[in-house]
Amino acid sequence: MKDRGSVILIRGNRVALIKRVRDGMTFYVIPGGRIKEGESPEDATIREAFEELGVTIAIKERVAIIEFNGGLQYYFLGEITGGTFGTGQGKEFTQLDRKRGTFETVWMEIKDLADHDVRPREIADLLLTGSVK
């Protein structure tokens, strides 16, 4: 797995997630994706927020770096500065024949993270404990 950049967006008591339904499972992920050649983790996170969520963001701070499948996943707290949430046009939303299940942008109450399969769990736990605001 390649390195990834992901954004944690909090509005009030809710966090932005991608609801995934794949192979009969429903789970939620923090928006983000692979870092391209020559791209910084921050730049990848900004690009992915626009592709997946339809919003422009400002990075506030790095929250965590998690090792997963031989790659590094960078998580940044971000703030929406423009665009319209839910209008992402990345290939996961436009190429439905990719056999990767469905993708839906959602806002979830932070308190409800404990009751859902949110990945990675480490980030969900940080949000639940109030470590990320």
N, C-alpha and C. Protein backbone atom coordinates (compact mmCIF):
# COMPACT_ATOMS: atom_id res chain seq x y z
N MET A 1 0.85 -1.18 0.00
CA MET A 1 0.00 0.00 0.00
C MET A 1 0.88 1.24 0.00
N LYS A 2 0.49 2.21 -0.76
CA LYS A 2 1.23 3.46 -0.80
C LYS A 2 0.80 4.36 0.35
N ASP A 3 1.60 5.40 0.56
CA ASP A 3 1.27 6.37 1.60
C ASP A 3 -0.01 7.13 1.23
N ARG A 4 -0.74 7.57 2.26
CA ARG A 4 -2.03 8.23 2.06
C ARG A 4 -2.11 9.50 2.90
N GLY A 5 -2.89 10.45 2.41
CA GLY A 5 -3.19 11.66 3.16
C GLY A 5 -4.69 11.73 3.39
N SER A 6 -5.10 12.03 4.62
CA SER A 6 -6.53 12.04 4.96
C SER A 6 -6.86 13.25 5.82
N VAL A 7 -8.13 13.70 5.69
CA VAL A 7 -8.56 14.88 6.41
C VAL A 7 -9.67 14.55 7.40
N ILE A 8 -9.52 15.11 8.60
CA ILE A 8 -10.55 15.03 9.62
C ILE A 8 -11.24 16.39 9.64
N LEU A 9 -12.51 16.39 9.25
CA LEU A 9 -13.31 17.61 9.23
C LEU A 9 -14.39 17.51 10.30
N ILE A 10 -14.41 18.46 11.20
CA ILE A 10 -15.38 18.47 12.28
C ILE A 10 -16.24 19.72 12.15
N ARG A 11 -17.53 19.52 12.21
CA ARG A 11 -18.48 20.64 12.19
C ARG A 11 -19.44 20.42 13.35
N GLY A 12 -19.37 21.28 14.34
CA GLY A 12 -20.19 21.09 15.54
C GLY A 12 -19.76 19.82 16.24
N ASN A 13 -20.70 18.89 16.41
CA ASN A 13 -20.41 17.61 17.05
C ASN A 13 -20.36 16.47 16.03
N ARG A 14 -20.14 16.82 14.76
CA ARG A 14 -20.13 15.80 13.70
C ARG A 14 -18.79 15.78 12.98
N VAL A 15 -18.48 14.62 12.41
CA VAL A 15 -17.27 14.45 11.63
C VAL A 15 -17.64 13.94 10.24
N ALA A 16 -16.91 14.40 9.24
CA ALA A 16 -17.15 13.97 7.86
C ALA A 16 -16.53 12.60 7.63
N LEU A 17 -17.31 11.70 7.02
CA LEU A 17 -16.84 10.35 6.72
C LEU A 17 -17.32 9.94 5.33
N ILE A 18 -16.71 8.87 4.83
CA ILE A 18 -17.18 8.22 3.61
C ILE A 18 -17.79 6.89 4.05
N LYS A 19 -19.09 6.74 3.79
CA LYS A 19 -19.78 5.48 4.08
C LYS A 19 -19.51 4.53 2.92
N ARG A 20 -18.95 3.36 3.24
CA ARG A 20 -18.62 2.37 2.23
C ARG A 20 -19.51 1.14 2.43
N VAL A 21 -20.04 0.63 1.34
CA VAL A 21 -20.74 -0.66 1.35
C VAL A 21 -20.01 -1.50 0.31
N ARG A 22 -19.41 -2.60 0.78
CA ARG A 22 -18.59 -3.43 -0.10
C ARG A 22 -18.63 -4.86 0.40
N ASP A 23 -18.88 -5.78 -0.52
CA ASP A 23 -18.89 -7.21 -0.19
C ASP A 23 -19.79 -7.53 0.99
N GLY A 24 -20.95 -6.87 1.05
CA GLY A 24 -21.92 -7.14 2.10
C GLY A 24 -21.61 -6.48 3.44
N MET A 25 -20.55 -5.67 3.49
CA MET A 25 -20.18 -4.99 4.74
C MET A 25 -20.42 -3.49 4.60
N THR A 26 -20.82 -2.87 5.70
CA THR A 26 -20.94 -1.42 5.75
C THR A 26 -19.92 -0.91 6.75
N PHE A 27 -19.10 0.03 6.31
CA PHE A 27 -18.10 0.63 7.19
C PHE A 27 -17.88 2.07 6.76
N TYR A 28 -17.17 2.82 7.58
CA TYR A 28 -16.95 4.24 7.35
C TYR A 28 -15.45 4.51 7.39
N VAL A 29 -14.98 5.42 6.52
CA VAL A 29 -13.57 5.76 6.49
C VAL A 29 -13.40 7.27 6.53
N ILE A 30 -12.24 7.68 7.01
CA ILE A 30 -11.87 9.09 6.99
C ILE A 30 -11.53 9.44 5.54
N PRO A 31 -12.06 10.53 4.99
CA PRO A 31 -11.78 10.88 3.60
C PRO A 31 -10.28 11.06 3.33
N GLY A 32 -9.83 10.52 2.23
CA GLY A 32 -8.42 10.66 1.86
C GLY A 32 -8.04 9.66 0.80
N GLY A 33 -6.78 9.68 0.40
CA GLY A 33 -6.32 8.76 -0.63
C GLY A 33 -4.82 8.81 -0.80
N ARG A 34 -4.37 8.12 -1.82
CA ARG A 34 -2.94 7.95 -2.07
C ARG A 34 -2.23 9.26 -2.38
N ILE A 35 -1.00 9.31 -1.91
CA ILE A 35 -0.13 10.44 -2.20
C ILE A 35 0.55 10.16 -3.53
N LYS A 36 0.42 11.09 -4.47
CA LYS A 36 1.02 10.93 -5.80
C LYS A 36 2.49 11.30 -5.76
N GLU A 37 3.22 10.82 -6.77
CA GLU A 37 4.64 11.12 -6.92
C GLU A 37 4.87 12.63 -6.85
N GLY A 38 5.79 13.06 -5.99
CA GLY A 38 6.14 14.47 -5.87
C GLY A 38 5.17 15.30 -5.04
N GLU A 39 4.17 14.68 -4.48
CA GLU A 39 3.14 15.38 -3.71
C GLU A 39 3.44 15.24 -2.22
N SER A 40 3.22 16.28 -1.45
CA SER A 40 3.38 16.18 0.00
C SER A 40 2.11 15.56 0.59
N PRO A 41 2.19 15.02 1.80
CA PRO A 41 0.97 14.50 2.44
C PRO A 41 -0.11 15.58 2.56
N GLU A 42 0.29 16.81 2.85
CA GLU A 42 -0.68 17.91 2.98
C GLU A 42 -1.36 18.19 1.64
N ASP A 43 -0.55 18.26 0.57
CA ASP A 43 -1.12 18.53 -0.76
C ASP A 43 -2.07 17.41 -1.19
N ALA A 44 -1.70 16.16 -0.90
CA ALA A 44 -2.56 15.03 -1.24
C ALA A 44 -3.89 15.12 -0.47
N THR A 45 -3.82 15.51 0.78
CA THR A 45 -5.02 15.63 1.60
C THR A 45 -5.95 16.71 1.05
N ILE A 46 -5.39 17.84 0.66
CA ILE A 46 -6.19 18.92 0.08
C ILE A 46 -6.84 18.46 -1.22
N ARG A 47 -6.07 17.79 -2.08
CA ARG A 47 -6.60 17.28 -3.35
C ARG A 47 -7.70 16.26 -3.11
N GLU A 48 -7.46 15.33 -2.21
CA GLU A 48 -8.44 14.27 -1.93
C GLU A 48 -9.72 14.83 -1.33
N ALA A 49 -9.63 15.85 -0.49
CA ALA A 49 -10.84 16.47 0.08
C ALA A 49 -11.71 17.03 -1.04
N PHE A 50 -11.09 17.64 -2.04
CA PHE A 50 -11.86 18.18 -3.16
C PHE A 50 -12.44 17.05 -4.01
N GLU A 51 -11.61 16.03 -4.32
CA GLU A 51 -12.08 14.93 -5.16
C GLU A 51 -13.20 14.14 -4.49
N GLU A 52 -13.05 13.86 -3.21
CA GLU A 52 -14.01 12.99 -2.52
C GLU A 52 -15.20 13.73 -1.93
N LEU A 53 -14.97 14.95 -1.45
CA LEU A 53 -16.03 15.66 -0.74
C LEU A 53 -16.58 16.86 -1.49
N GLY A 54 -15.81 17.38 -2.45
CA GLY A 54 -16.24 18.57 -3.17
C GLY A 54 -15.95 19.86 -2.44
N VAL A 55 -15.04 19.82 -1.47
CA VAL A 55 -14.73 21.01 -0.69
C VAL A 55 -13.24 21.35 -0.77
N THR A 56 -12.97 22.64 -0.63
CA THR A 56 -11.59 23.07 -0.45
C THR A 56 -11.37 23.21 1.05
N ILE A 57 -10.14 22.92 1.45
CA ILE A 57 -9.84 22.92 2.89
C ILE A 57 -8.54 23.65 3.17
N ALA A 58 -8.39 24.05 4.41
CA ALA A 58 -7.13 24.52 4.96
C ALA A 58 -6.71 23.50 6.00
N ILE A 59 -5.45 23.12 5.97
CA ILE A 59 -4.90 22.20 6.96
C ILE A 59 -4.60 22.99 8.23
N LYS A 60 -5.08 22.48 9.36
CA LYS A 60 -4.83 23.14 10.64
C LYS A 60 -3.64 22.51 11.36
N GLU A 61 -3.63 21.18 11.43
CA GLU A 61 -2.52 20.49 12.11
C GLU A 61 -2.53 19.01 11.77
N ARG A 62 -1.35 18.37 11.90
CA ARG A 62 -1.28 16.93 11.74
C ARG A 62 -1.70 16.29 13.05
N VAL A 63 -2.61 15.31 12.95
CA VAL A 63 -3.16 14.65 14.13
C VAL A 63 -2.45 13.34 14.41
N ALA A 64 -2.13 12.59 13.35
CA ALA A 64 -1.55 11.26 13.54
C ALA A 64 -0.89 10.78 12.26
N ILE A 65 0.06 9.85 12.45
CA ILE A 65 0.61 9.07 11.35
C ILE A 65 0.47 7.62 11.77
N ILE A 66 -0.19 6.83 10.94
CA ILE A 66 -0.45 5.43 11.27
C ILE A 66 0.18 4.55 10.19
N GLU A 67 0.93 3.53 10.61
CA GLU A 67 1.49 2.57 9.66
C GLU A 67 0.42 1.53 9.34
N PHE A 68 0.26 1.23 8.04
CA PHE A 68 -0.74 0.25 7.63
C PHE A 68 -0.32 -0.38 6.31
N ASN A 69 -0.25 -1.69 6.26
CA ASN A 69 0.08 -2.44 5.04
C ASN A 69 1.34 -1.91 4.35
N GLY A 70 2.36 -1.60 5.11
CA GLY A 70 3.62 -1.16 4.53
C GLY A 70 3.66 0.29 4.11
N GLY A 71 2.62 1.05 4.40
CA GLY A 71 2.59 2.47 4.05
C GLY A 71 2.29 3.31 5.26
N LEU A 72 2.43 4.61 5.08
CA LEU A 72 2.10 5.56 6.14
C LEU A 72 0.81 6.29 5.77
N GLN A 73 -0.05 6.44 6.74
CA GLN A 73 -1.30 7.18 6.57
C GLN A 73 -1.21 8.43 7.44
N TYR A 74 -1.26 9.60 6.78
CA TYR A 74 -1.17 10.89 7.47
C TYR A 74 -2.58 11.44 7.66
N TYR A 75 -2.90 11.84 8.89
CA TYR A 75 -4.22 12.38 9.21
C TYR A 75 -4.06 13.82 9.68
N PHE A 76 -4.79 14.71 9.01
CA PHE A 76 -4.73 16.13 9.31
C PHE A 76 -6.10 16.64 9.71
N LEU A 77 -6.13 17.51 10.70
CA LEU A 77 -7.34 18.23 11.03
C LEU A 77 -7.45 19.36 10.02
N GLY A 78 -8.61 19.48 9.40
CA GLY A 78 -8.80 20.50 8.38
C GLY A 78 -10.03 21.34 8.65
N GLU A 79 -10.14 22.41 7.88
CA GLU A 79 -11.28 23.30 7.96
C GLU A 79 -11.78 23.57 6.55
N ILE A 80 -13.07 23.48 6.35
CA ILE A 80 -13.65 23.74 5.03
C ILE A 80 -13.58 25.25 4.76
N THR A 81 -13.02 25.59 3.57
CA THR A 81 -12.91 27.00 3.19
C THR A 81 -13.75 27.34 1.96
N GLY A 82 -14.31 26.32 1.30
CA GLY A 82 -15.12 26.57 0.11
C GLY A 82 -15.67 25.28 -0.44
N GLY A 83 -16.46 25.40 -1.49
CA GLY A 83 -17.05 24.23 -2.13
C GLY A 83 -18.35 23.82 -1.48
N THR A 84 -18.89 22.70 -1.96
CA THR A 84 -20.16 22.18 -1.45
C THR A 84 -19.96 20.73 -1.04
N PHE A 85 -20.12 20.46 0.25
CA PHE A 85 -19.94 19.11 0.78
C PHE A 85 -20.87 18.13 0.06
N GLY A 86 -20.30 17.00 -0.35
CA GLY A 86 -21.09 15.95 -1.00
C GLY A 86 -21.09 16.02 -2.51
N THR A 87 -20.27 16.90 -3.09
CA THR A 87 -20.24 17.04 -4.54
C THR A 87 -18.95 16.51 -5.15
N GLY A 88 -18.23 15.66 -4.43
CA GLY A 88 -16.97 15.12 -4.94
C GLY A 88 -17.15 14.40 -6.27
N GLN A 89 -16.16 14.53 -7.13
CA GLN A 89 -16.21 13.92 -8.45
C GLN A 89 -15.04 12.98 -8.70
N GLY A 90 -14.44 12.44 -7.63
CA GLY A 90 -13.35 11.47 -7.78
C GLY A 90 -13.86 10.21 -8.45
N LYS A 91 -12.92 9.40 -8.99
CA LYS A 91 -13.33 8.21 -9.73
C LYS A 91 -14.12 7.21 -8.89
N GLU A 92 -13.95 7.24 -7.56
CA GLU A 92 -14.75 6.34 -6.73
C GLU A 92 -16.24 6.66 -6.80
N PHE A 93 -16.56 7.91 -7.16
CA PHE A 93 -17.96 8.32 -7.27
C PHE A 93 -18.47 8.28 -8.70
N THR A 94 -17.57 8.37 -9.68
CA THR A 94 -18.00 8.47 -11.07
C THR A 94 -17.79 7.20 -11.88
N GLN A 95 -16.88 6.32 -11.45
CA GLN A 95 -16.63 5.07 -12.17
C GLN A 95 -17.24 3.91 -11.39
N LEU A 96 -18.54 3.72 -11.58
CA LEU A 96 -19.27 2.74 -10.78
C LEU A 96 -18.94 1.29 -11.14
N ASP A 97 -18.26 1.07 -12.26
CA ASP A 97 -17.92 -0.29 -12.68
C ASP A 97 -16.61 -0.78 -12.07
N ARG A 98 -16.07 -0.08 -11.11
CA ARG A 98 -14.78 -0.44 -10.52
C ARG A 98 -14.88 -1.61 -9.54
N LYS A 99 -16.08 -2.07 -9.24
CA LYS A 99 -16.31 -3.20 -8.33
C LYS A 99 -15.65 -2.98 -6.97
N ARG A 100 -15.74 -1.76 -6.47
CA ARG A 100 -15.18 -1.43 -5.16
C ARG A 100 -16.27 -1.03 -4.18
N GLY A 101 -17.51 -1.36 -4.52
CA GLY A 101 -18.62 -1.03 -3.64
C GLY A 101 -19.07 0.40 -3.83
N THR A 102 -19.87 0.88 -2.87
CA THR A 102 -20.41 2.23 -2.98
C THR A 102 -19.69 3.18 -2.02
N PHE A 103 -19.74 4.45 -2.36
CA PHE A 103 -19.14 5.52 -1.58
C PHE A 103 -20.20 6.60 -1.38
N GLU A 104 -20.38 7.03 -0.14
CA GLU A 104 -21.35 8.09 0.15
C GLU A 104 -20.77 9.01 1.21
N THR A 105 -20.78 10.31 0.96
CA THR A 105 -20.28 11.27 1.95
C THR A 105 -21.36 11.50 3.00
N VAL A 106 -20.95 11.48 4.27
CA VAL A 106 -21.89 11.65 5.37
C VAL A 106 -21.25 12.46 6.50
N TRP A 107 -22.09 13.07 7.30
CA TRP A 107 -21.68 13.66 8.58
C TRP A 107 -22.20 12.72 9.67
N MET A 108 -21.34 12.30 10.58
CA MET A 108 -21.75 11.42 11.67
C MET A 108 -21.48 12.12 13.00
N GLU A 109 -22.44 12.01 13.90
CA GLU A 109 -22.24 12.51 15.26
C GLU A 109 -21.03 11.79 15.85
N ILE A 110 -20.13 12.55 16.46
CA ILE A 110 -18.92 11.95 17.03
C ILE A 110 -19.27 10.90 18.07
N LYS A 111 -20.29 11.14 18.87
CA LYS A 111 -20.68 10.16 19.90
C LYS A 111 -21.11 8.84 19.28
N ASP A 112 -21.55 8.84 18.02
CA ASP A 112 -22.01 7.62 17.36
C ASP A 112 -20.86 6.79 16.75
N LEU A 113 -19.66 7.32 16.76
CA LEU A 113 -18.53 6.58 16.20
C LEU A 113 -18.32 5.24 16.90
N ALA A 114 -18.63 5.20 18.19
CA ALA A 114 -18.44 3.97 18.97
C ALA A 114 -19.36 2.84 18.49
N ASP A 115 -20.47 3.19 17.87
CA ASP A 115 -21.46 2.20 17.45
C ASP A 115 -21.32 1.76 16.00
N HIS A 116 -20.30 2.25 15.30
CA HIS A 116 -20.12 1.93 13.89
C HIS A 116 -18.70 1.44 13.62
N ASP A 117 -18.54 0.73 12.51
CA ASP A 117 -17.23 0.27 12.06
C ASP A 117 -16.57 1.43 11.33
N VAL A 118 -15.79 2.22 12.07
CA VAL A 118 -15.10 3.38 11.52
C VAL A 118 -13.62 3.03 11.43
N ARG A 119 -13.04 3.26 10.25
CA ARG A 119 -11.65 2.89 10.01
C ARG A 119 -10.83 4.10 9.62
N PRO A 120 -9.62 4.25 10.19
CA PRO A 120 -9.04 3.39 11.21
C PRO A 120 -9.63 3.69 12.59
N ARG A 121 -9.70 2.67 13.37
CA ARG A 121 -10.28 2.79 14.70
C ARG A 121 -9.51 3.78 15.56
N GLU A 122 -8.19 3.86 15.35
CA GLU A 122 -7.36 4.76 16.14
C GLU A 122 -7.85 6.20 16.03
N ILE A 123 -8.25 6.60 14.84
CA ILE A 123 -8.72 7.98 14.64
C ILE A 123 -10.11 8.15 15.27
N ALA A 124 -10.98 7.16 15.11
CA ALA A 124 -12.30 7.22 15.75
C ALA A 124 -12.14 7.36 17.27
N ASP A 125 -11.21 6.61 17.84
CA ASP A 125 -10.99 6.67 19.29
C ASP A 125 -10.46 8.05 19.72
N LEU A 126 -9.58 8.65 18.92
CA LEU A 126 -9.11 9.99 19.22
C LEU A 126 -10.26 10.99 19.24
N LEU A 127 -11.15 10.86 18.27
CA LEU A 127 -12.32 11.74 18.22
C LEU A 127 -13.25 11.51 19.40
N LEU A 128 -13.48 10.26 19.76
CA LEU A 128 -14.36 9.93 20.87
C LEU A 128 -13.84 10.46 22.20
N THR A 129 -12.53 10.46 22.38
CA THR A 129 -11.96 10.93 23.65
C THR A 129 -11.81 12.44 23.70
N GLY A 130 -12.11 13.11 22.58
CA GLY A 130 -11.99 14.55 22.55
C GLY A 130 -10.57 15.03 22.30
N SER A 131 -9.67 14.12 21.92
CA SER A 131 -8.28 14.50 21.66
C SER A 131 -8.13 15.33 20.39
N VAL A 132 -9.11 15.24 19.50
CA VAL A 132 -9.10 16.01 18.26
C VAL A 132 -10.32 16.92 18.28
N LYS A 133 -10.11 18.22 18.13
CA LYS A 133 -11.22 19.18 18.17
C LYS A 133 -11.08 20.17 17.05
